[in-house]
Amino acid sequence: MNISVELTLTPLQDDFEPAIIDFIKALRHSGLIIKENPLSTQVYGEYDRVMAVLQKEMKIALESVERGLLYIKIVKSDRSDYEPHF
């Protein structure tokens, strides 16, 4: 089963950028399809593979900040080829 995941890491501290950058770089090196925009990062792939990567990388990201939020949305389908119709 393929899934699409949207992630937003929000460290609640002044020096927030390094944690976000490290998280995105780790996802880029995962071998999964990764797309980024200014507000979130999307991850696409087979459910078990995506969730294994996210389980590891989300823990590392959350451990790297004193306080933070990590928003996650999961869609049951591969939406990596989505293009707006307007």
PDB file of N, CA and C in Angstrom:
ATOM      1  N   MET A   1       0.847  -1.177   0.000  1.00  0.00           N
ATOM      2  CA  MET A   1       0.000   0.000   0.000  1.00  0.00           C
ATOM      3  C   MET A   1       0.891   1.237   0.000  1.00  0.00           C
ATOM      4  N   ASN A   2       0.634   2.144  -0.907  1.00  0.00           N
ATOM      5  CA  ASN A   2       1.383   3.395  -0.973  1.00  0.00           C
ATOM      6  C   ASN A   2       0.672   4.471  -0.171  1.00  0.00           C
ATOM      7  N   ILE A   3       1.483   5.350   0.424  1.00  0.00           N
ATOM      8  CA  ILE A   3       0.941   6.458   1.194  1.00  0.00           C
ATOM      9  C   ILE A   3       1.663   7.754   0.838  1.00  0.00           C
ATOM     10  N   SER A   4       1.003   8.844   1.175  1.00  0.00           N
ATOM     11  CA  SER A   4       1.570  10.186   1.067  1.00  0.00           C
ATOM     12  C   SER A   4       1.497  10.784   2.462  1.00  0.00           C
ATOM     13  N   VAL A   5       2.594  11.378   2.921  1.00  0.00           N
ATOM     14  CA  VAL A   5       2.652  11.931   4.268  1.00  0.00           C
ATOM     15  C   VAL A   5       3.106  13.382   4.188  1.00  0.00           C
ATOM     16  N   GLU A   6       2.398  14.246   4.904  1.00  0.00           N
ATOM     17  CA  GLU A   6       2.805  15.637   5.014  1.00  0.00           C
ATOM     18  C   GLU A   6       3.260  15.881   6.444  1.00  0.00           C
ATOM     19  N   LEU A   7       4.460  16.453   6.593  1.00  0.00           N
ATOM     20  CA  LEU A   7       5.063  16.686   7.903  1.00  0.00           C
ATOM     21  C   LEU A   7       5.392  18.163   8.081  1.00  0.00           C
ATOM     22  N   THR A   8       5.160  18.652   9.282  1.00  0.00           N
ATOM     23  CA  THR A   8       5.592  19.994   9.639  1.00  0.00           C
ATOM     24  C   THR A   8       6.205  19.919  11.028  1.00  0.00           C
ATOM     25  N   LEU A   9       7.501  20.169  11.113  1.00  0.00           N
ATOM     26  CA  LEU A   9       8.210  20.199  12.392  1.00  0.00           C
ATOM     27  C   LEU A   9       8.268  21.646  12.868  1.00  0.00           C
ATOM     28  N   THR A  10       7.814  21.881  14.090  1.00  0.00           N
ATOM     29  CA  THR A  10       7.789  23.227  14.647  1.00  0.00           C
ATOM     30  C   THR A  10       8.468  23.232  16.019  1.00  0.00           C
ATOM     31  N   PRO A  11       9.787  23.454  16.050  1.00  0.00           N
ATOM     32  CA  PRO A  11      10.459  23.567  17.346  1.00  0.00           C
ATOM     33  C   PRO A  11       9.988  24.825  18.071  1.00  0.00           C
ATOM     34  N   LEU A  12       9.724  24.713  19.354  1.00  0.00           N
ATOM     35  CA  LEU A  12       9.272  25.853  20.151  1.00  0.00           C
ATOM     36  C   LEU A  12      10.454  26.423  20.923  1.00  0.00           C
ATOM     37  N   GLN A  13      11.377  27.010  20.168  1.00  0.00           N
ATOM     38  CA  GLN A  13      12.580  27.591  20.745  1.00  0.00           C
ATOM     39  C   GLN A  13      13.142  28.610  19.767  1.00  0.00           C
ATOM     40  N   ASP A  14      14.011  29.483  20.268  1.00  0.00           N
ATOM     41  CA  ASP A  14      14.569  30.541  19.424  1.00  0.00           C
ATOM     42  C   ASP A  14      15.423  29.985  18.287  1.00  0.00           C
ATOM     43  N   ASP A  15      16.284  29.046  18.560  1.00  0.00           N
ATOM     44  CA  ASP A  15      17.196  28.487  17.565  1.00  0.00           C
ATOM     45  C   ASP A  15      16.541  27.264  16.917  1.00  0.00           C
ATOM     46  N   PHE A  16      15.554  27.499  16.061  1.00  0.00           N
ATOM     47  CA  PHE A  16      14.740  26.413  15.524  1.00  0.00           C
ATOM     48  C   PHE A  16      15.227  25.854  14.193  1.00  0.00           C
ATOM     49  N   GLU A  17      15.950  26.644  13.405  1.00  0.00           N
ATOM     50  CA  GLU A  17      16.300  26.224  12.045  1.00  0.00           C
ATOM     51  C   GLU A  17      17.160  24.965  11.961  1.00  0.00           C
ATOM     52  N   PRO A  18      18.196  24.797  12.789  1.00  0.00           N
ATOM     53  CA  PRO A  18      19.028  23.593  12.649  1.00  0.00           C
ATOM     54  C   PRO A  18      18.240  22.289  12.763  1.00  0.00           C
ATOM     55  N   ALA A  19      17.292  22.216  13.678  1.00  0.00           N
ATOM     56  CA  ALA A  19      16.501  20.987  13.839  1.00  0.00           C
ATOM     57  C   ALA A  19      15.680  20.690  12.590  1.00  0.00           C
ATOM     58  N   ILE A  20      15.092  21.714  12.003  1.00  0.00           N
ATOM     59  CA  ILE A  20      14.287  21.531  10.794  1.00  0.00           C
ATOM     60  C   ILE A  20      15.169  21.103   9.622  1.00  0.00           C
ATOM     61  N   ILE A  21      16.293  21.767   9.467  1.00  0.00           N
ATOM     62  CA  ILE A  21      17.212  21.449   8.361  1.00  0.00           C
ATOM     63  C   ILE A  21      17.732  20.024   8.489  1.00  0.00           C
ATOM     64  N   ASP A  22      18.130  19.618   9.688  1.00  0.00           N
ATOM     65  CA  ASP A  22      18.629  18.249   9.896  1.00  0.00           C
ATOM     66  C   ASP A  22      17.550  17.216   9.590  1.00  0.00           C
ATOM     67  N   PHE A  23      16.316  17.491   9.996  1.00  0.00           N
ATOM     68  CA  PHE A  23      15.201  16.576   9.745  1.00  0.00           C
ATOM     69  C   PHE A  23      14.972  16.418   8.243  1.00  0.00           C
ATOM     70  N   ILE A  24      14.937  17.522   7.521  1.00  0.00           N
ATOM     71  CA  ILE A  24      14.717  17.461   6.074  1.00  0.00           C
ATOM     72  C   ILE A  24      15.872  16.746   5.377  1.00  0.00           C
ATOM     73  N   LYS A  25      17.106  17.033   5.768  1.00  0.00           N
ATOM     74  CA  LYS A  25      18.258  16.358   5.153  1.00  0.00           C
ATOM     75  C   LYS A  25      18.214  14.858   5.385  1.00  0.00           C
ATOM     76  N   ALA A  26      17.825  14.440   6.579  1.00  0.00           N
ATOM     77  CA  ALA A  26      17.721  13.004   6.863  1.00  0.00           C
ATOM     78  C   ALA A  26      16.654  12.358   5.982  1.00  0.00           C
ATOM     79  N   LEU A  27      15.531  13.030   5.802  1.00  0.00           N
ATOM     80  CA  LEU A  27      14.489  12.498   4.927  1.00  0.00           C
ATOM     81  C   LEU A  27      14.966  12.421   3.483  1.00  0.00           C
ATOM     82  N   ARG A  28      15.700  13.430   3.031  1.00  0.00           N
ATOM     83  CA  ARG A  28      16.239  13.422   1.659  1.00  0.00           C
ATOM     84  C   ARG A  28      17.136  12.221   1.415  1.00  0.00           C
ATOM     85  N   HIS A  29      17.875  11.782   2.435  1.00  0.00           N
ATOM     86  CA  HIS A  29      18.811  10.672   2.291  1.00  0.00           C
ATOM     87  C   HIS A  29      18.154   9.307   2.517  1.00  0.00           C
ATOM     88  N   SER A  30      16.841   9.277   2.680  1.00  0.00           N
ATOM     89  CA  SER A  30      16.144   8.031   2.986  1.00  0.00           C
ATOM     90  C   SER A  30      15.894   7.154   1.763  1.00  0.00           C
ATOM     91  N   GLY A  31      15.999   7.730   0.578  1.00  0.00           N
ATOM     92  CA  GLY A  31      15.681   6.971  -0.626  1.00  0.00           C
ATOM     93  C   GLY A  31      14.213   7.046  -1.005  1.00  0.00           C
ATOM     94  N   LEU A  32      13.407   7.728  -0.198  1.00  0.00           N
ATOM     95  CA  LEU A  32      11.989   7.915  -0.507  1.00  0.00           C
ATOM     96  C   LEU A  32      11.808   9.149  -1.385  1.00  0.00           C
ATOM     97  N   ILE A  33      10.636   9.291  -1.980  1.00  0.00           N
ATOM     98  CA  ILE A  33      10.320  10.491  -2.744  1.00  0.00           C
ATOM     99  C   ILE A  33       9.983  11.585  -1.743  1.00  0.00           C
ATOM    100  N   ILE A  34      10.709  12.695  -1.809  1.00  0.00           N
ATOM    101  CA  ILE A  34      10.540  13.811  -0.886  1.00  0.00           C
ATOM    102  C   ILE A  34      10.262  15.073  -1.695  1.00  0.00           C
ATOM    103  N   LYS A  35       9.257  15.816  -1.292  1.00  0.00           N
ATOM    104  CA  LYS A  35       8.979  17.120  -1.887  1.00  0.00           C
ATOM    105  C   LYS A  35       8.852  18.116  -0.744  1.00  0.00           C
ATOM    106  N   GLU A  36       9.341  19.324  -0.979  1.00  0.00           N
ATOM    107  CA  GLU A  36       9.340  20.344   0.073  1.00  0.00           C
ATOM    108  C   GLU A  36       8.686  21.620  -0.423  1.00  0.00           C
ATOM    109  N   ASN A  37       8.116  22.343   0.516  1.00  0.00           N
ATOM    110  CA  ASN A  37       7.655  23.703   0.264  1.00  0.00           C
ATOM    111  C   ASN A  37       7.955  24.502   1.532  1.00  0.00           C
ATOM    112  N   PRO A  38       7.709  25.786   1.566  1.00  0.00           N
ATOM    113  CA  PRO A  38       8.083  26.584   2.746  1.00  0.00           C
ATOM    114  C   PRO A  38       7.371  26.185   4.042  1.00  0.00           C
ATOM    115  N   LEU A  39       6.257  25.484   3.951  1.00  0.00           N
ATOM    116  CA  LEU A  39       5.481  25.170   5.149  1.00  0.00           C
ATOM    117  C   LEU A  39       5.525  23.718   5.583  1.00  0.00           C
ATOM    118  N   SER A  40       5.896  22.805   4.682  1.00  0.00           N
ATOM    119  CA  SER A  40       5.875  21.392   5.045  1.00  0.00           C
ATOM    120  C   SER A  40       6.764  20.578   4.111  1.00  0.00           C
ATOM    121  N   THR A  41       6.925  19.322   4.480  1.00  0.00           N
ATOM    122  CA  THR A  41       7.677  18.363   3.677  1.00  0.00           C
ATOM    123  C   THR A  41       6.763  17.171   3.412  1.00  0.00           C
ATOM    124  N   GLN A  42       6.729  16.706   2.173  1.00  0.00           N
ATOM    125  CA  GLN A  42       5.923  15.551   1.820  1.00  0.00           C
ATOM    126  C   GLN A  42       6.824  14.359   1.549  1.00  0.00           C
ATOM    127  N   VAL A  43       6.379  13.197   2.005  1.00  0.00           N
ATOM    128  CA  VAL A  43       7.107  11.940   1.835  1.00  0.00           C
ATOM    129  C   VAL A  43       6.157  10.955   1.167  1.00  0.00           C
ATOM    130  N   TYR A  44       6.639  10.257   0.148  1.00  0.00           N
ATOM    131  CA  TYR A  44       5.805   9.339  -0.618  1.00  0.00           C
ATOM    132  C   TYR A  44       6.493   7.988  -0.711  1.00  0.00           C
ATOM    133  N   GLY A  45       5.701   6.918  -0.610  1.00  0.00           N
ATOM    134  CA  GLY A  45       6.268   5.594  -0.782  1.00  0.00           C
ATOM    135  C   GLY A  45       5.393   4.511  -0.196  1.00  0.00           C
ATOM    136  N   GLU A  46       5.970   3.327  -0.119  1.00  0.00           N
ATOM    137  CA  GLU A  46       5.280   2.162   0.401  1.00  0.00           C
ATOM    138  C   GLU A  46       5.144   2.299   1.914  1.00  0.00           C
ATOM    139  N   TYR A  47       3.979   1.974   2.449  1.00  0.00           N
ATOM    140  CA  TYR A  47       3.630   2.219   3.847  1.00  0.00           C
ATOM    141  C   TYR A  47       4.712   1.766   4.828  1.00  0.00           C
ATOM    142  N   ASP A  48       5.104   0.500   4.778  1.00  0.00           N
ATOM    143  CA  ASP A  48       6.062  -0.017   5.769  1.00  0.00           C
ATOM    144  C   ASP A  48       7.398   0.709   5.696  1.00  0.00           C
ATOM    145  N   ARG A  49       7.861   0.994   4.506  1.00  0.00           N
ATOM    146  CA  ARG A  49       9.148   1.698   4.333  1.00  0.00           C
ATOM    147  C   ARG A  49       9.044   3.137   4.847  1.00  0.00           C
ATOM    148  N   VAL A  50       7.986   3.841   4.473  1.00  0.00           N
ATOM    149  CA  VAL A  50       7.809   5.226   4.921  1.00  0.00           C
ATOM    150  C   VAL A  50       7.725   5.276   6.443  1.00  0.00           C
ATOM    151  N   MET A  51       6.910   4.422   7.017  1.00  0.00           N
ATOM    152  CA  MET A  51       6.715   4.463   8.464  1.00  0.00           C
ATOM    153  C   MET A  51       7.982   4.077   9.226  1.00  0.00           C
ATOM    154  N   ALA A  52       8.778   3.170   8.681  1.00  0.00           N
ATOM    155  CA  ALA A  52      10.047   2.811   9.325  1.00  0.00           C
ATOM    156  C   ALA A  52      10.995   4.012   9.334  1.00  0.00           C
ATOM    157  N   VAL A  53      11.090   4.705   8.215  1.00  0.00           N
ATOM    158  CA  VAL A  53      11.942   5.891   8.133  1.00  0.00           C
ATOM    159  C   VAL A  53      11.424   6.971   9.077  1.00  0.00           C
ATOM    160  N   LEU A  54      10.116   7.222   9.046  1.00  0.00           N
ATOM    161  CA  LEU A  54       9.555   8.268   9.895  1.00  0.00           C
ATOM    162  C   LEU A  54       9.701   7.951  11.375  1.00  0.00           C
ATOM    163  N   GLN A  55       9.515   6.707  11.744  1.00  0.00           N
ATOM    164  CA  GLN A  55       9.663   6.333  13.155  1.00  0.00           C
ATOM    165  C   GLN A  55      11.054   6.712  13.654  1.00  0.00           C
ATOM    166  N   LYS A  56      12.064   6.406  12.866  1.00  0.00           N
ATOM    167  CA  LYS A  56      13.442   6.721  13.257  1.00  0.00           C
ATOM    168  C   LYS A  56      13.705   8.227  13.232  1.00  0.00           C
ATOM    169  N   GLU A  57      13.378   8.880  12.113  1.00  0.00           N
ATOM    170  CA  GLU A  57      13.743  10.286  11.929  1.00  0.00           C
ATOM    171  C   GLU A  57      12.906  11.251  12.768  1.00  0.00           C
ATOM    172  N   MET A  58      11.646  10.917  13.020  1.00  0.00           N
ATOM    173  CA  MET A  58      10.832  11.779  13.888  1.00  0.00           C
ATOM    174  C   MET A  58      11.358  11.742  15.321  1.00  0.00           C
ATOM    175  N   LYS A  59      11.784  10.577  15.778  1.00  0.00           N
ATOM    176  CA  LYS A  59      12.338  10.468  17.136  1.00  0.00           C
ATOM    177  C   LYS A  59      13.605  11.303  17.262  1.00  0.00           C
ATOM    178  N   ILE A  60      14.492  11.194  16.281  1.00  0.00           N
ATOM    179  CA  ILE A  60      15.732  11.981  16.292  1.00  0.00           C
ATOM    180  C   ILE A  60      15.406  13.475  16.290  1.00  0.00           C
ATOM    181  N   ALA A  61      14.466  13.880  15.445  1.00  0.00           N
ATOM    182  CA  ALA A  61      14.102  15.298  15.340  1.00  0.00           C
ATOM    183  C   ALA A  61      13.526  15.820  16.650  1.00  0.00           C
ATOM    184  N   LEU A  62      12.645  15.065  17.254  1.00  0.00           N
ATOM    185  CA  LEU A  62      12.038  15.511  18.512  1.00  0.00           C
ATOM    186  C   LEU A  62      13.043  15.513  19.664  1.00  0.00           C
ATOM    187  N   GLU A  63      13.982  14.582  19.652  1.00  0.00           N
ATOM    188  CA  GLU A  63      15.022  14.562  20.683  1.00  0.00           C
ATOM    189  C   GLU A  63      15.991  15.731  20.538  1.00  0.00           C
ATOM    190  N   SER A  64      16.059  16.305  19.345  1.00  0.00           N
ATOM    191  CA  SER A  64      17.021  17.390  19.095  1.00  0.00           C
ATOM    192  C   SER A  64      16.513  18.759  19.549  1.00  0.00           C
ATOM    193  N   VAL A  65      15.257  18.839  19.955  1.00  0.00           N
ATOM    194  CA  VAL A  65      14.693  20.112  20.410  1.00  0.00           C
ATOM    195  C   VAL A  65      14.247  19.991  21.864  1.00  0.00           C
ATOM    196  N   GLU A  66      14.242  21.130  22.545  1.00  0.00           N
ATOM    197  CA  GLU A  66      13.790  21.121  23.936  1.00  0.00           C
ATOM    198  C   GLU A  66      12.278  20.900  24.004  1.00  0.00           C
ATOM    199  N   ARG A  67      11.550  21.632  23.153  1.00  0.00           N
ATOM    200  CA  ARG A  67      10.103  21.492  23.026  1.00  0.00           C
ATOM    201  C   ARG A  67       9.758  21.664  21.550  1.00  0.00           C
ATOM    202  N   GLY A  68       8.744  20.960  21.104  1.00  0.00           N
ATOM    203  CA  GLY A  68       8.367  21.119  19.712  1.00  0.00           C
ATOM    204  C   GLY A  68       7.105  20.371  19.360  1.00  0.00           C
ATOM    205  N   LEU A  69       6.583  20.712  18.209  1.00  0.00           N
ATOM    206  CA  LEU A  69       5.400  20.060  17.651  1.00  0.00           C
ATOM    207  C   LEU A  69       5.791  19.403  16.338  1.00  0.00           C
ATOM    208  N   LEU A  70       5.179  18.275  16.053  1.00  0.00           N
ATOM    209  CA  LEU A  70       5.379  17.631  14.761  1.00  0.00           C
ATOM    210  C   LEU A  70       3.996  17.243  14.251  1.00  0.00           C
ATOM    211  N   TYR A  71       3.553  17.946  13.219  1.00  0.00           N
ATOM    212  CA  TYR A  71       2.259  17.682  12.610  1.00  0.00           C
ATOM    213  C   TYR A  71       2.451  16.656  11.507  1.00  0.00           C
ATOM    214  N   ILE A  72       1.548  15.689  11.440  1.00  0.00           N
ATOM    215  CA  ILE A  72       1.640  14.666  10.409  1.00  0.00           C
ATOM    216  C   ILE A  72       0.252  14.353   9.857  1.00  0.00           C
ATOM    217  N   LYS A  73       0.177  14.290   8.528  1.00  0.00           N
ATOM    218  CA  LYS A  73      -1.046  13.875   7.836  1.00  0.00           C
ATOM    219  C   LYS A  73      -0.667  12.708   6.942  1.00  0.00           C
ATOM    220  N   ILE A  74      -1.515  11.688   6.920  1.00  0.00           N
ATOM    221  CA  ILE A  74      -1.258  10.509   6.095  1.00  0.00           C
ATOM    222  C   ILE A  74      -2.454  10.286   5.174  1.00  0.00           C
ATOM    223  N   VAL A  75      -2.159  10.126   3.888  1.00  0.00           N
ATOM    224  CA  VAL A  75      -3.189   9.837   2.890  1.00  0.00           C
ATOM    225  C   VAL A  75      -2.901   8.462   2.311  1.00  0.00           C
ATOM    226  N   LYS A  76      -3.919   7.655   2.199  1.00  0.00           N
ATOM    227  CA  LYS A  76      -3.745   6.317   1.632  1.00  0.00           C
ATOM    228  C   LYS A  76      -3.789   6.390   0.106  1.00  0.00           C
ATOM    229  N   SER A  77      -2.688   6.782  -0.475  1.00  0.00           N
ATOM    230  CA  SER A  77      -2.468   6.792  -1.925  1.00  0.00           C
ATOM    231  C   SER A  77      -1.178   7.562  -2.176  1.00  0.00           C
ATOM    232  N   ASP A  78      -0.591   7.316  -3.313  1.00  0.00           N
ATOM    233  CA  ASP A  78       0.612   8.043  -3.696  1.00  0.00           C
ATOM    234  C   ASP A  78       0.186   9.269  -4.486  1.00  0.00           C
ATOM    235  N   ARG A  79       0.315  10.444  -3.878  1.00  0.00           N
ATOM    236  CA  ARG A  79      -0.092  11.693  -4.506  1.00  0.00           C
ATOM    237  C   ARG A  79       1.104  12.475  -5.039  1.00  0.00           C
ATOM    238  N   SER A  80       2.245  11.818  -5.216  1.00  0.00           N
ATOM    239  CA  SER A  80       3.466  12.514  -5.631  1.00  0.00           C
ATOM    240  C   SER A  80       3.374  13.118  -7.025  1.00  0.00           C
ATOM    241  N   ASP A  81       2.450  12.614  -7.827  1.00  0.00           N
ATOM    242  CA  ASP A  81       2.325  13.159  -9.192  1.00  0.00           C
ATOM    243  C   ASP A  81       1.202  14.188  -9.300  1.00  0.00           C
ATOM    244  N   TYR A  82       0.677  14.648  -8.167  1.00  0.00           N
ATOM    245  CA  TYR A  82      -0.422  15.616  -8.178  1.00  0.00           C
ATOM    246  C   TYR A  82      -0.013  16.926  -8.837  1.00  0.00           C
ATOM    247  N   GLU A  83      -0.873  17.407  -9.708  1.00  0.00           N
ATOM    248  CA  GLU A  83      -0.714  18.721 -10.315  1.00  0.00           C
ATOM    249  C   GLU A  83      -2.069  19.421 -10.257  1.00  0.00           C
ATOM    250  N   PRO A  84      -2.095  20.693  -9.868  1.00  0.00           N
ATOM    251  CA  PRO A  84      -3.374  21.410  -9.809  1.00  0.00           C
ATOM    252  C   PRO A  84      -4.053  21.465 -11.175  1.00  0.00           C
ATOM    253  N   HIS A  85      -5.366  21.455 -11.171  1.00  0.00           N
ATOM    254  CA  HIS A  85      -6.141  21.502 -12.415  1.00  0.00           C
ATOM    255  C   HIS A  85      -6.621  22.908 -12.728  1.00  0.00           C
ATOM    256  N   PHE A  86      -6.072  23.898 -12.086  1.00  0.00           N
ATOM    257  CA  PHE A  86      -6.523  25.272 -12.301  1.00  0.00           C
ATOM    258  C   PHE A  86      -5.355  26.191 -12.540  1.00  0.00           C
TER     259      PHE A  86
END
